[in-house]
PDB file of all heavy atoms in Angstrom:
ATOM      1  N   ASP A   1      10.051  49.726 191.524  1.00  0.00           N
ATOM      2  CA  ASP A   1      10.724  48.751 192.386  1.00  0.00           C
ATOM      3  C   ASP A   1      12.161  49.213 192.635  1.00  0.00           C
ATOM      4  O   ASP A   1      13.115  48.647 192.094  1.00  0.00           O
ATOM      5  CB  ASP A   1      10.693  47.375 191.722  1.00  0.00           C
ATOM      6  CG  ASP A   1      11.181  46.255 192.615  1.00  0.00           C
ATOM      7  OD1 ASP A   1      11.629  46.537 193.757  1.00  0.00           O
ATOM      8  OD2 ASP A   1      11.129  45.088 192.180  1.00  0.00           O
ATOM      9  N   PRO A   2      12.326  50.256 193.461  1.00  0.00           N
ATOM     10  CA  PRO A   2      13.664  50.821 193.654  1.00  0.00           C
ATOM     11  C   PRO A   2      14.669  49.841 194.263  1.00  0.00           C
ATOM     12  O   PRO A   2      15.865  49.967 194.021  1.00  0.00           O
ATOM     13  CB  PRO A   2      13.431  52.031 194.562  1.00  0.00           C
ATOM     14  CG  PRO A   2      12.046  51.928 195.063  1.00  0.00           C
ATOM     15  CD  PRO A   2      11.296  51.011 194.171  1.00  0.00           C
ATOM     16  N   ASP A   3      14.199  48.857 195.022  1.00  0.00           N
ATOM     17  CA  ASP A   3      15.139  47.872 195.578  1.00  0.00           C
ATOM     18  C   ASP A   3      15.765  47.031 194.473  1.00  0.00           C
ATOM     19  O   ASP A   3      16.961  46.744 194.499  1.00  0.00           O
ATOM     20  CB  ASP A   3      14.445  46.976 196.605  1.00  0.00           C
ATOM     21  CG  ASP A   3      14.032  47.742 197.856  1.00  0.00           C
ATOM     22  OD1 ASP A   3      14.645  48.790 198.150  1.00  0.00           O
ATOM     23  OD2 ASP A   3      13.091  47.292 198.531  1.00  0.00           O
ATOM     24  N   SER A   4      14.961  46.646 193.480  1.00  0.00           N
ATOM     25  CA  SER A   4      15.503  45.917 192.331  1.00  0.00           C
ATOM     26  C   SER A   4      16.405  46.827 191.499  1.00  0.00           C
ATOM     27  O   SER A   4      17.436  46.388 190.990  1.00  0.00           O
ATOM     28  CB  SER A   4      14.379  45.352 191.459  1.00  0.00           C
ATOM     29  OG  SER A   4      13.710  44.322 192.150  1.00  0.00           O
ATOM     30  N   ALA A   5      16.024  48.093 191.385  1.00  0.00           N
ATOM     31  CA  ALA A   5      16.868  49.049 190.657  1.00  0.00           C
ATOM     32  C   ALA A   5      18.236  49.142 191.329  1.00  0.00           C
ATOM     33  O   ALA A   5      19.262  49.162 190.646  1.00  0.00           O
ATOM     34  CB  ALA A   5      16.192  50.417 190.612  1.00  0.00           C
ATOM     35  N   TYR A   6      18.247  49.172 192.661  1.00  0.00           N
ATOM     36  CA  TYR A   6      19.514  49.216 193.395  1.00  0.00           C
ATOM     37  C   TYR A   6      20.341  47.971 193.088  1.00  0.00           C
ATOM     38  O   TYR A   6      21.545  48.063 192.829  1.00  0.00           O
ATOM     39  CB  TYR A   6      19.269  49.323 194.908  1.00  0.00           C
ATOM     40  CG  TYR A   6      20.556  49.336 195.685  1.00  0.00           C
ATOM     41  CD1 TYR A   6      21.199  50.529 195.963  1.00  0.00           C
ATOM     42  CD2 TYR A   6      21.162  48.147 196.108  1.00  0.00           C
ATOM     43  CE1 TYR A   6      22.402  50.546 196.649  1.00  0.00           C
ATOM     44  CE2 TYR A   6      22.366  48.156 196.792  1.00  0.00           C
ATOM     45  CZ  TYR A   6      22.976  49.355 197.058  1.00  0.00           C
ATOM     46  OH  TYR A   6      24.173  49.372 197.718  1.00  0.00           O
ATOM     47  N   TYR A   7      19.701  46.811 193.115  1.00  0.00           N
ATOM     48  CA  TYR A   7      20.393  45.541 192.835  1.00  0.00           C
ATOM     49  C   TYR A   7      21.043  45.567 191.451  1.00  0.00           C
ATOM     50  O   TYR A   7      22.228  45.241 191.304  1.00  0.00           O
ATOM     51  CB  TYR A   7      19.405  44.376 192.946  1.00  0.00           C
ATOM     52  CG  TYR A   7      19.956  43.086 192.420  1.00  0.00           C
ATOM     53  CD1 TYR A   7      20.825  42.316 193.185  1.00  0.00           C
ATOM     54  CD2 TYR A   7      19.628  42.639 191.135  1.00  0.00           C
ATOM     55  CE1 TYR A   7      21.353  41.129 192.690  1.00  0.00           C
ATOM     56  CE2 TYR A   7      20.152  41.457 190.639  1.00  0.00           C
ATOM     57  CZ  TYR A   7      21.008  40.708 191.418  1.00  0.00           C
ATOM     58  OH  TYR A   7      21.535  39.538 190.923  1.00  0.00           O
ATOM     59  N   PHE A   8      20.283  45.966 190.439  1.00  0.00           N
ATOM     60  CA  PHE A   8      20.822  45.990 189.079  1.00  0.00           C
ATOM     61  C   PHE A   8      21.903  47.062 188.931  1.00  0.00           C
ATOM     62  O   PHE A   8      22.875  46.870 188.195  1.00  0.00           O
ATOM     63  CB  PHE A   8      19.712  46.174 188.049  1.00  0.00           C
ATOM     64  CG  PHE A   8      18.870  44.944 187.864  1.00  0.00           C
ATOM     65  CD1 PHE A   8      17.522  44.952 188.150  1.00  0.00           C
ATOM     66  CD2 PHE A   8      19.440  43.758 187.420  1.00  0.00           C
ATOM     67  CE1 PHE A   8      16.746  43.820 187.986  1.00  0.00           C
ATOM     68  CE2 PHE A   8      18.684  42.616 187.250  1.00  0.00           C
ATOM     69  CZ  PHE A   8      17.326  42.645 187.541  1.00  0.00           C
ATOM     70  N   ALA A   9      21.751  48.180 189.637  1.00  0.00           N
ATOM     71  CA  ALA A   9      22.796  49.205 189.605  1.00  0.00           C
ATOM     72  C   ALA A   9      24.073  48.684 190.259  1.00  0.00           C
ATOM     73  O   ALA A   9      25.176  49.052 189.844  1.00  0.00           O
ATOM     74  CB  ALA A   9      22.311  50.477 190.293  1.00  0.00           C
ATOM     75  N   GLN A  10      23.943  47.826 191.262  1.00  0.00           N
ATOM     76  CA  GLN A  10      25.138  47.228 191.871  1.00  0.00           C
ATOM     77  C   GLN A  10      25.830  46.297 190.878  1.00  0.00           C
ATOM     78  O   GLN A  10      27.063  46.283 190.793  1.00  0.00           O
ATOM     79  CB  GLN A  10      24.783  46.470 193.155  1.00  0.00           C
ATOM     80  CG  GLN A  10      26.003  45.977 193.914  1.00  0.00           C
ATOM     81  CD  GLN A  10      26.881  47.116 194.406  1.00  0.00           C
ATOM     82  OE1 GLN A  10      26.403  48.078 195.005  1.00  0.00           O
ATOM     83  NE2 GLN A  10      28.184  47.031 194.166  1.00  0.00           N
ATOM     84  N   LEU A  11      25.029  45.542 190.109  1.00  0.00           N
ATOM     85  CA  LEU A  11      25.624  44.714 189.038  1.00  0.00           C
ATOM     86  C   LEU A  11      26.366  45.597 188.045  1.00  0.00           C
ATOM     87  O   LEU A  11      27.484  45.278 187.618  1.00  0.00           O
ATOM     88  CB  LEU A  11      24.543  43.922 188.292  1.00  0.00           C
ATOM     89  CG  LEU A  11      23.842  42.791 189.012  1.00  0.00           C
ATOM     90  CD1 LEU A  11      22.782  42.168 188.101  1.00  0.00           C
ATOM     91  CD2 LEU A  11      24.839  41.731 189.458  1.00  0.00           C
ATOM     92  N   GLN A  12      25.735  46.699 187.699  1.00  0.00           N
ATOM     93  CA  GLN A  12      26.334  47.654 186.766  1.00  0.00           C
ATOM     94  C   GLN A  12      27.639  48.202 187.346  1.00  0.00           C
ATOM     95  O   GLN A  12      28.651  48.276 186.643  1.00  0.00           O
ATOM     96  CB  GLN A  12      25.320  48.781 186.519  1.00  0.00           C
ATOM     97  CG  GLN A  12      25.749  49.842 185.570  1.00  0.00           C
ATOM     98  CD  GLN A  12      24.706  50.947 185.475  1.00  0.00           C
ATOM     99  OE1 GLN A  12      23.873  51.128 186.358  1.00  0.00           O
ATOM    100  NE2 GLN A  12      24.759  51.700 184.402  1.00  0.00           N
ATOM    101  N   PHE A  13      27.630  48.573 188.616  1.00  0.00           N
ATOM    102  CA  PHE A  13      28.822  49.120 189.265  1.00  0.00           C
ATOM    103  C   PHE A  13      29.950  48.092 189.279  1.00  0.00           C
ATOM    104  O   PHE A  13      31.092  48.406 188.912  1.00  0.00           O
ATOM    105  CB  PHE A  13      28.505  49.562 190.703  1.00  0.00           C
ATOM    106  CG  PHE A  13      29.706  50.080 191.432  1.00  0.00           C
ATOM    107  CD1 PHE A  13      30.101  51.401 191.292  1.00  0.00           C
ATOM    108  CD2 PHE A  13      30.460  49.256 192.240  1.00  0.00           C
ATOM    109  CE1 PHE A  13      31.220  51.893 191.949  1.00  0.00           C
ATOM    110  CE2 PHE A  13      31.585  49.723 192.900  1.00  0.00           C
ATOM    111  CZ  PHE A  13      31.966  51.049 192.753  1.00  0.00           C
ATOM    112  N   ASP A  14      29.644  46.870 189.718  1.00  0.00           N
ATOM    113  CA  ASP A  14      30.670  45.830 189.807  1.00  0.00           C
ATOM    114  C   ASP A  14      31.277  45.527 188.438  1.00  0.00           C
ATOM    115  O   ASP A  14      32.497  45.380 188.304  1.00  0.00           O
ATOM    116  CB  ASP A  14      30.086  44.553 190.415  1.00  0.00           C
ATOM    117  CG  ASP A  14      29.682  44.722 191.875  1.00  0.00           C
ATOM    118  OD1 ASP A  14      30.154  45.675 192.539  1.00  0.00           O
ATOM    119  OD2 ASP A  14      28.870  43.903 192.357  1.00  0.00           O
ATOM    120  N   PHE A  15      30.433  45.452 187.423  1.00  0.00           N
ATOM    121  CA  PHE A  15      30.876  45.192 186.060  1.00  0.00           C
ATOM    122  C   PHE A  15      31.815  46.308 185.593  1.00  0.00           C
ATOM    123  O   PHE A  15      32.893  46.057 185.045  1.00  0.00           O
ATOM    124  CB  PHE A  15      29.652  45.079 185.142  1.00  0.00           C
ATOM    125  CG  PHE A  15      29.944  44.699 183.731  1.00  0.00           C
ATOM    126  CD1 PHE A  15      30.095  43.369 183.366  1.00  0.00           C
ATOM    127  CD2 PHE A  15      30.023  45.664 182.739  1.00  0.00           C
ATOM    128  CE1 PHE A  15      30.346  43.012 182.041  1.00  0.00           C
ATOM    129  CE2 PHE A  15      30.270  45.320 181.414  1.00  0.00           C
ATOM    130  CZ  PHE A  15      30.432  43.986 181.075  1.00  0.00           C
ATOM    131  N   ALA A  16      31.402  47.550 185.831  1.00  0.00           N
ATOM    132  CA  ALA A  16      32.211  48.703 185.415  1.00  0.00           C
ATOM    133  C   ALA A  16      33.531  48.752 186.190  1.00  0.00           C
ATOM    134  O   ALA A  16      34.582  49.039 185.616  1.00  0.00           O
ATOM    135  CB  ALA A  16      31.426  49.994 185.613  1.00  0.00           C
ATOM    136  N   LYS A  17      33.484  48.456 187.481  1.00  0.00           N
ATOM    137  CA  LYS A  17      34.694  48.497 188.304  1.00  0.00           C
ATOM    138  C   LYS A  17      35.707  47.457 187.835  1.00  0.00           C
ATOM    139  O   LYS A  17      36.904  47.743 187.742  1.00  0.00           O
ATOM    140  CB  LYS A  17      34.346  48.265 189.771  1.00  0.00           C
ATOM    141  CG  LYS A  17      35.541  48.419 190.685  1.00  0.00           C
ATOM    142  CD  LYS A  17      35.139  48.301 192.144  1.00  0.00           C
ATOM    143  CE  LYS A  17      36.368  48.501 193.010  1.00  0.00           C
ATOM    144  NZ  LYS A  17      36.045  48.390 194.424  1.00  0.00           N
ATOM    145  N   GLU A  18      35.234  46.241 187.514  1.00  0.00           N
ATOM    146  CA  GLU A  18      36.125  45.180 187.022  1.00  0.00           C
ATOM    147  C   GLU A  18      36.845  45.599 185.753  1.00  0.00           C
ATOM    148  O   GLU A  18      37.949  45.143 185.480  1.00  0.00           O
ATOM    149  CB  GLU A  18      35.324  43.901 186.733  1.00  0.00           C
ATOM    150  CG  GLU A  18      34.834  43.175 187.954  1.00  0.00           C
ATOM    151  CD  GLU A  18      33.888  42.026 187.603  1.00  0.00           C
ATOM    152  OE1 GLU A  18      33.707  41.711 186.400  1.00  0.00           O
ATOM    153  OE2 GLU A  18      33.310  41.451 188.540  1.00  0.00           O
ATOM    154  N   ARG A  19      36.219  46.484 184.981  1.00  0.00           N
ATOM    155  CA  ARG A  19      36.780  46.889 183.702  1.00  0.00           C
ATOM    156  C   ARG A  19      37.418  48.283 183.742  1.00  0.00           C
ATOM    157  O   ARG A  19      37.865  48.792 182.722  1.00  0.00           O
ATOM    158  CB  ARG A  19      35.680  46.826 182.641  1.00  0.00           C
ATOM    159  CG  ARG A  19      35.355  45.372 182.301  1.00  0.00           C
ATOM    160  CD  ARG A  19      33.922  45.194 181.836  1.00  0.00           C
ATOM    161  NE  ARG A  19      33.677  43.803 181.480  1.00  0.00           N
ATOM    162  CZ  ARG A  19      33.394  42.845 182.375  1.00  0.00           C
ATOM    163  NH1 ARG A  19      33.340  43.112 183.667  1.00  0.00           N
ATOM    164  NH2 ARG A  19      33.165  41.599 181.965  1.00  0.00           N
ATOM    165  N   GLY A  20      37.412  48.896 184.912  1.00  0.00           N
ATOM    166  CA  GLY A  20      38.021  50.215 185.052  1.00  0.00           C
ATOM    167  C   GLY A  20      37.256  51.328 184.360  1.00  0.00           C
ATOM    168  O   GLY A  20      37.841  52.332 183.965  1.00  0.00           O
ATOM    169  N   LEU A  21      35.953  51.170 184.231  1.00  0.00           N
ATOM    170  CA  LEU A  21      35.113  52.147 183.543  1.00  0.00           C
ATOM    171  C   LEU A  21      34.494  53.105 184.567  1.00  0.00           C
ATOM    172  O   LEU A  21      33.349  52.959 184.989  1.00  0.00           O
ATOM    173  CB  LEU A  21      34.030  51.432 182.726  1.00  0.00           C
ATOM    174  CG  LEU A  21      34.542  50.467 181.663  1.00  0.00           C
ATOM    175  CD1 LEU A  21      33.411  49.633 181.084  1.00  0.00           C
ATOM    176  CD2 LEU A  21      35.271  51.241 180.562  1.00  0.00           C
ATOM    177  N   LYS A  22      35.275  54.097 184.966  1.00  0.00           N
ATOM    178  CA  LYS A  22      34.879  54.981 186.064  1.00  0.00           C
ATOM    179  C   LYS A  22      33.614  55.772 185.764  1.00  0.00           C
ATOM    180  O   LYS A  22      32.795  56.003 186.660  1.00  0.00           O
ATOM    181  CB  LYS A  22      36.030  55.910 186.422  1.00  0.00           C
ATOM    182  CG  LYS A  22      37.171  55.184 187.083  1.00  0.00           C
ATOM    183  CD  LYS A  22      38.257  56.120 187.539  1.00  0.00           C
ATOM    184  CE  LYS A  22      39.339  55.317 188.247  1.00  0.00           C
ATOM    185  NZ  LYS A  22      40.326  56.208 188.859  1.00  0.00           N
ATOM    186  N   LYS A  23      33.448  56.201 184.535  1.00  0.00           N
ATOM    187  CA  LYS A  23      32.243  56.958 184.181  1.00  0.00           C
ATOM    188  C   LYS A  23      30.994  56.143 184.499  1.00  0.00           C
ATOM    189  O   LYS A  23      29.995  56.679 185.004  1.00  0.00           O
ATOM    190  CB  LYS A  23      32.272  57.328 182.699  1.00  0.00           C
ATOM    191  CG  LYS A  23      31.062  58.085 182.238  1.00  0.00           C
ATOM    192  CD  LYS A  23      31.186  58.476 180.782  1.00  0.00           C
ATOM    193  CE  LYS A  23      29.960  59.261 180.338  1.00  0.00           C
ATOM    194  NZ  LYS A  23      30.107  59.767 178.972  1.00  0.00           N
ATOM    195  N   TYR A  24      31.044  54.855 184.241  1.00  0.00           N
ATOM    196  CA  TYR A  24      29.882  53.998 184.450  1.00  0.00           C
ATOM    197  C   TYR A  24      29.755  53.552 185.903  1.00  0.00           C
ATOM    198  O   TYR A  24      28.659  53.254 186.377  1.00  0.00           O
ATOM    199  CB  TYR A  24      29.925  52.826 183.470  1.00  0.00           C
ATOM    200  CG  TYR A  24      29.896  53.332 182.054  1.00  0.00           C
ATOM    201  CD1 TYR A  24      31.072  53.486 181.320  1.00  0.00           C
ATOM    202  CD2 TYR A  24      28.705  53.733 181.467  1.00  0.00           C
ATOM    203  CE1 TYR A  24      31.053  53.993 180.033  1.00  0.00           C
ATOM    204  CE2 TYR A  24      28.668  54.237 180.186  1.00  0.00           C
ATOM    205  CZ  TYR A  24      29.840  54.369 179.467  1.00  0.00           C
ATOM    206  OH  TYR A  24      29.812  54.896 178.205  1.00  0.00           O
ATOM    207  N   MET A  25      30.870  53.547 186.627  1.00  0.00           N
ATOM    208  CA  MET A  25      30.806  53.337 188.071  1.00  0.00           C
ATOM    209  C   MET A  25      30.034  54.501 188.707  1.00  0.00           C
ATOM    210  O   MET A  25      29.155  54.294 189.555  1.00  0.00           O
ATOM    211  CB  MET A  25      32.212  53.254 188.666  1.00  0.00           C
ATOM    212  CG  MET A  25      32.982  52.006 188.297  1.00  0.00           C
ATOM    213  SD  MET A  25      34.751  52.114 188.718  1.00  0.00           S
ATOM    214  CE  MET A  25      34.703  52.472 190.463  1.00  0.00           C
TER     215      MET A  25
END
């Protein structure tokens, strides 16, 4: 389900960006 994978990766990106975690972005 790559569309759901994209959605969860966006959550991951937003979370990492809020915390300044560039490696995880």
